[in-house]
C-alpha atoms as a PDB file:
ATOM      1  CA  MET A   1      94.286  91.159  87.884  1.00  0.00           C
ATOM      2  CA  HIS A   2      95.015  88.903  91.143  1.00  0.00           C
ATOM      3  CA  GLU A   3      91.391  88.717  91.919  1.00  0.00           C
ATOM      4  CA  LEU A   4      90.725  85.633  89.184  1.00  0.00           C
ATOM      5  CA  GLY A   5      93.300  83.860  91.508  1.00  0.00           C
ATOM      6  CA  LEU A   6      91.619  84.602  94.640  1.00  0.00           C
ATOM      7  CA  VAL A   7      88.226  83.666  93.382  1.00  0.00           C
ATOM      8  CA  SER A   8      89.881  80.290  91.932  1.00  0.00           C
ATOM      9  CA  GLY A   9      92.249  79.483  95.257  1.00  0.00           C
ATOM     10  CA  VAL A  10      88.686  80.367  97.428  1.00  0.00           C
ATOM     11  CA  LEU A  11      86.573  78.110  95.051  1.00  0.00           C
ATOM     12  CA  ASP A  12      89.178  74.916  94.882  1.00  0.00           C
ATOM     13  CA  VAL A  13      88.837  75.121  99.204  1.00  0.00           C
ATOM     14  CA  VAL A  14      84.729  75.984  98.588  1.00  0.00           C
ATOM     15  CA  THR A  15      84.178  72.881  96.660  1.00  0.00           C
ATOM     16  CA  ARG A  16      86.515  70.254  97.708  1.00  0.00           C
ATOM     17  CA  THR A  17      85.047  70.999 101.550  1.00  0.00           C
ATOM     18  CA  ALA A  18      81.907  70.367 100.239  1.00  0.00           C
ATOM     19  CA  ARG A  19      82.475  67.426  98.615  1.00  0.00           C
ATOM     20  CA  GLU A  20      83.920  66.362 101.778  1.00  0.00           C
ATOM     21  CA  ALA A  21      80.608  66.816 103.607  1.00  0.00           C
ATOM     22  CA  GLY A  22      78.864  65.185 100.903  1.00  0.00           C
ATOM     23  CA  ALA A  23      76.999  68.259  99.852  1.00  0.00           C
ATOM     24  CA  SER A  24      74.995  68.293  96.570  1.00  0.00           C
ATOM     25  CA  ARG A  25      74.944  72.265  96.182  1.00  0.00           C
ATOM     26  CA  VAL A  26      76.733  75.241  97.795  1.00  0.00           C
ATOM     27  CA  VAL A  27      74.592  77.820  98.462  1.00  0.00           C
ATOM     28  CA  SER A  28      76.896  80.519  99.608  1.00  0.00           C
ATOM     29  CA  VAL A  29      80.058  81.493 101.086  1.00  0.00           C
ATOM     30  CA  LEU A  30      80.866  84.322 103.825  1.00  0.00           C
ATOM     31  CA  LEU A  31      84.568  85.940 103.099  1.00  0.00           C
ATOM     32  CA  ARG A  32      86.853  88.490 105.007  1.00  0.00           C
ATOM     33  CA  ILE A  33      88.974  90.197 102.994  1.00  0.00           C
ATOM     34  CA  GLY A  34      90.878  93.351 104.968  1.00  0.00           C
ATOM     35  CA  ASP A  35      91.595  96.233 102.412  1.00  0.00           C
ATOM     36  CA  MET A  36      95.537  95.715 102.289  1.00  0.00           C
ATOM     37  CA  ALA A  37      94.900  92.615 100.130  1.00  0.00           C
ATOM     38  CA  GLU A  38      93.953  95.395  97.413  1.00  0.00           C
ATOM     39  CA  VAL A  39      91.000  93.348  95.808  1.00  0.00           C
ATOM     40  CA  ASN A  40      88.700  95.393  93.484  1.00  0.00           C
ATOM     41  CA  PRO A  41      85.083  94.685  94.907  1.00  0.00           C
ATOM     42  CA  GLU A  42      83.650  94.326  90.751  1.00  0.00           C
ATOM     43  CA  SER A  43      86.561  92.621  89.512  1.00  0.00           C
ATOM     44  CA  PHE A  44      86.071  89.940  92.555  1.00  0.00           C
ATOM     45  CA  ASP A  45      82.141  89.782  91.825  1.00  0.00           C
ATOM     46  CA  PHE A  46      83.262  89.635  87.860  1.00  0.00           C
ATOM     47  CA  ALA A  47      85.599  86.449  88.670  1.00  0.00           C
ATOM     48  CA  TRP A  48      83.237  85.101  90.934  1.00  0.00           C
ATOM     49  CA  ASP A  49      80.341  85.047  88.692  1.00  0.00           C
ATOM     50  CA  VAL A  50      82.182  83.581  85.805  1.00  0.00           C
ATOM     51  CA  LEU A  51      84.142  80.750  87.862  1.00  0.00           C
ATOM     52  CA  ARG A  52      81.925  79.749  89.954  1.00  0.00           C
ATOM     53  CA  GLU A  53      80.199  78.298  86.947  1.00  0.00           C
ATOM     54  CA  ASP A  54      82.610  76.275  85.964  1.00  0.00           C
ATOM     55  CA  ASP A  55      81.446  73.323  88.702  1.00  0.00           C
ATOM     56  CA  PRO A  56      77.827  72.499  89.211  1.00  0.00           C
ATOM     57  CA  LEU A  57      78.206  72.207  93.154  1.00  0.00           C
ATOM     58  CA  THR A  58      78.830  75.639  93.023  1.00  0.00           C
ATOM     59  CA  ALA A  59      77.294  77.320  89.817  1.00  0.00           C
ATOM     60  CA  GLU A  60      74.598  78.895  91.723  1.00  0.00           C
ATOM     61  CA  ALA A  61      76.282  80.104  95.089  1.00  0.00           C
ATOM     62  CA  THR A  62      76.753  82.886  96.014  1.00  0.00           C
ATOM     63  CA  VAL A  63      79.351  85.370  97.986  1.00  0.00           C
ATOM     64  CA  GLU A  64      79.407  88.119 100.487  1.00  0.00           C
ATOM     65  CA  VAL A  65      82.189  90.048 101.787  1.00  0.00           C
ATOM     66  CA  GLU A  66      83.039  91.404 104.922  1.00  0.00           C
ATOM     67  CA  TYR A  67      85.971  94.101 104.248  1.00  0.00           C
ATOM     68  CA  VAL A  68      88.517  94.715 106.974  1.00  0.00           C
ATOM     69  CA  HIS A  69      90.060  97.718 107.463  1.00  0.00           C
ATOM     70  CA  PRO A  70      93.763  98.386 108.550  1.00  0.00           C
ATOM     71  CA  ARG A  71      94.477  98.611 112.165  1.00  0.00           C
ATOM     72  CA  SER A  72      98.464  99.089 113.652  1.00  0.00           C
ATOM     73  CA  VAL A  73     100.453  98.832 116.811  1.00  0.00           C
ATOM     74  CA  CYS A  74     102.804 101.852 117.492  1.00  0.00           C
ATOM     75  CA  SER A  75     106.171  99.811 118.445  1.00  0.00           C
ATOM     76  CA  ALA A  76     107.361 103.322 119.963  1.00  0.00           C
ATOM     77  CA  CYS A  77     104.222 103.877 122.228  1.00  0.00           C
ATOM     78  CA  GLY A  78     101.840 101.290 121.403  1.00  0.00           C
ATOM     79  CA  GLU A  79      99.317 102.883 120.707  1.00  0.00           C
ATOM     80  CA  THR A  80      96.383 100.838 118.258  1.00  0.00           C
ATOM     81  CA  PHE A  81      94.919 103.017 115.531  1.00  0.00           C
ATOM     82  CA  GLU A  82      92.804 102.328 112.374  1.00  0.00           C
ATOM     83  CA  HIS A  83      93.904 103.648 108.742  1.00  0.00           C
ATOM     84  CA  ASP A  84      93.928 103.673 105.228  1.00  0.00           C
ATOM     85  CA  ARG A  85      96.020 102.159 102.763  1.00  0.00           C
ATOM     86  CA  PHE A  86      98.908 104.671 102.849  1.00  0.00           C
ATOM     87  CA  HIS A  87      99.096 106.363 106.618  1.00  0.00           C
ATOM     88  CA  LEU A  88     100.314 103.958 108.337  1.00  0.00           C
ATOM     89  CA  ARG A  89     102.429 106.707 111.198  1.00  0.00           C
ATOM     90  CA  CYS A  90     100.978 106.446 114.533  1.00  0.00           C
ATOM     91  CA  PRO A  91      98.683 109.509 115.173  1.00  0.00           C
ATOM     92  CA  VAL A  92      99.615 109.754 119.092  1.00  0.00           C
ATOM     93  CA  CYS A  93     103.609 110.344 118.723  1.00  0.00           C
ATOM     94  CA  GLY A  94     104.202 110.208 115.592  1.00  0.00           C
ATOM     95  CA  SER A  95     106.098 106.922 115.090  1.00  0.00           C
ATOM     96  CA  ARG A  96     106.512 105.183 111.584  1.00  0.00           C
ATOM     97  CA  GLU A  97     107.566 102.174 113.519  1.00  0.00           C
ATOM     98  CA  THR A  98     104.550 100.367 113.342  1.00  0.00           C
ATOM     99  CA  HIS A  99     103.369  96.594 112.815  1.00  0.00           C
ATOM    100  CA  LEU A 100     100.152  95.650 110.816  1.00  0.00           C
ATOM    101  CA  VAL A 101      97.878  93.628 112.693  1.00  0.00           C
ATOM    102  CA  ALA A 102      94.737  94.015 110.703  1.00  0.00           C
ATOM    103  CA  GLY A 103      94.097  94.954 107.097  1.00  0.00           C
ATOM    104  CA  ARG A 104      95.669  92.037 105.356  1.00  0.00           C
ATOM    105  CA  GLU A 105      93.525  88.673 105.702  1.00  0.00           C
ATOM    106  CA  MET A 106      91.859  86.643 102.878  1.00  0.00           C
ATOM    107  CA  ASP A 107      89.852  84.262 105.322  1.00  0.00           C
ATOM    108  CA  ILE A 108      86.703  82.025 103.882  1.00  0.00           C
ATOM    109  CA  VAL A 109      84.791  82.117 107.209  1.00  0.00           C
ATOM    110  CA  SER A 110      81.603  79.917 106.319  1.00  0.00           C
ATOM    111  CA  MET A 111      79.731  78.585 103.716  1.00  0.00           C
ATOM    112  CA  GLU A 112      76.516  76.765 103.733  1.00  0.00           C
ATOM    113  CA  ILE A 113      75.844  73.687 101.773  1.00  0.00           C
ATOM    114  CA  GLU A 114      72.993  71.435 101.102  1.00  0.00           C
ATOM    115  CA  ASP A 115      73.293  67.731 101.217  1.00  0.00           C
ATOM    116  CA  GLU A 116      72.269  65.263  99.812  1.00  0.00           C
ATOM    117  CA  THR A 117      69.986  63.308 101.897  1.00  0.00           C
END
């Protein structure tokens, strides 16, 4: 279950950033995760609920995830197209020479904090 490692990494960045900003608590975190990262949403939510409690700064923080569908560009004809995790062939020319341009993201988009003032 790599979701534990992902959540742990996200929370490390979030808590470090929040402390540097003088936050008294993290209210929410918005993430962008690509479908090709193969993150199981239920496992991710479970890991978030468990690991966020390890630090009082994040104990009540919520997480929202925007999932990004895979998108590739065909090297043969230049077509840009969306697809699922398994069908990477160009729908226009049939080439398998494609380059993934979206779908592997794991980005912290934003976080809402409360400061100590």
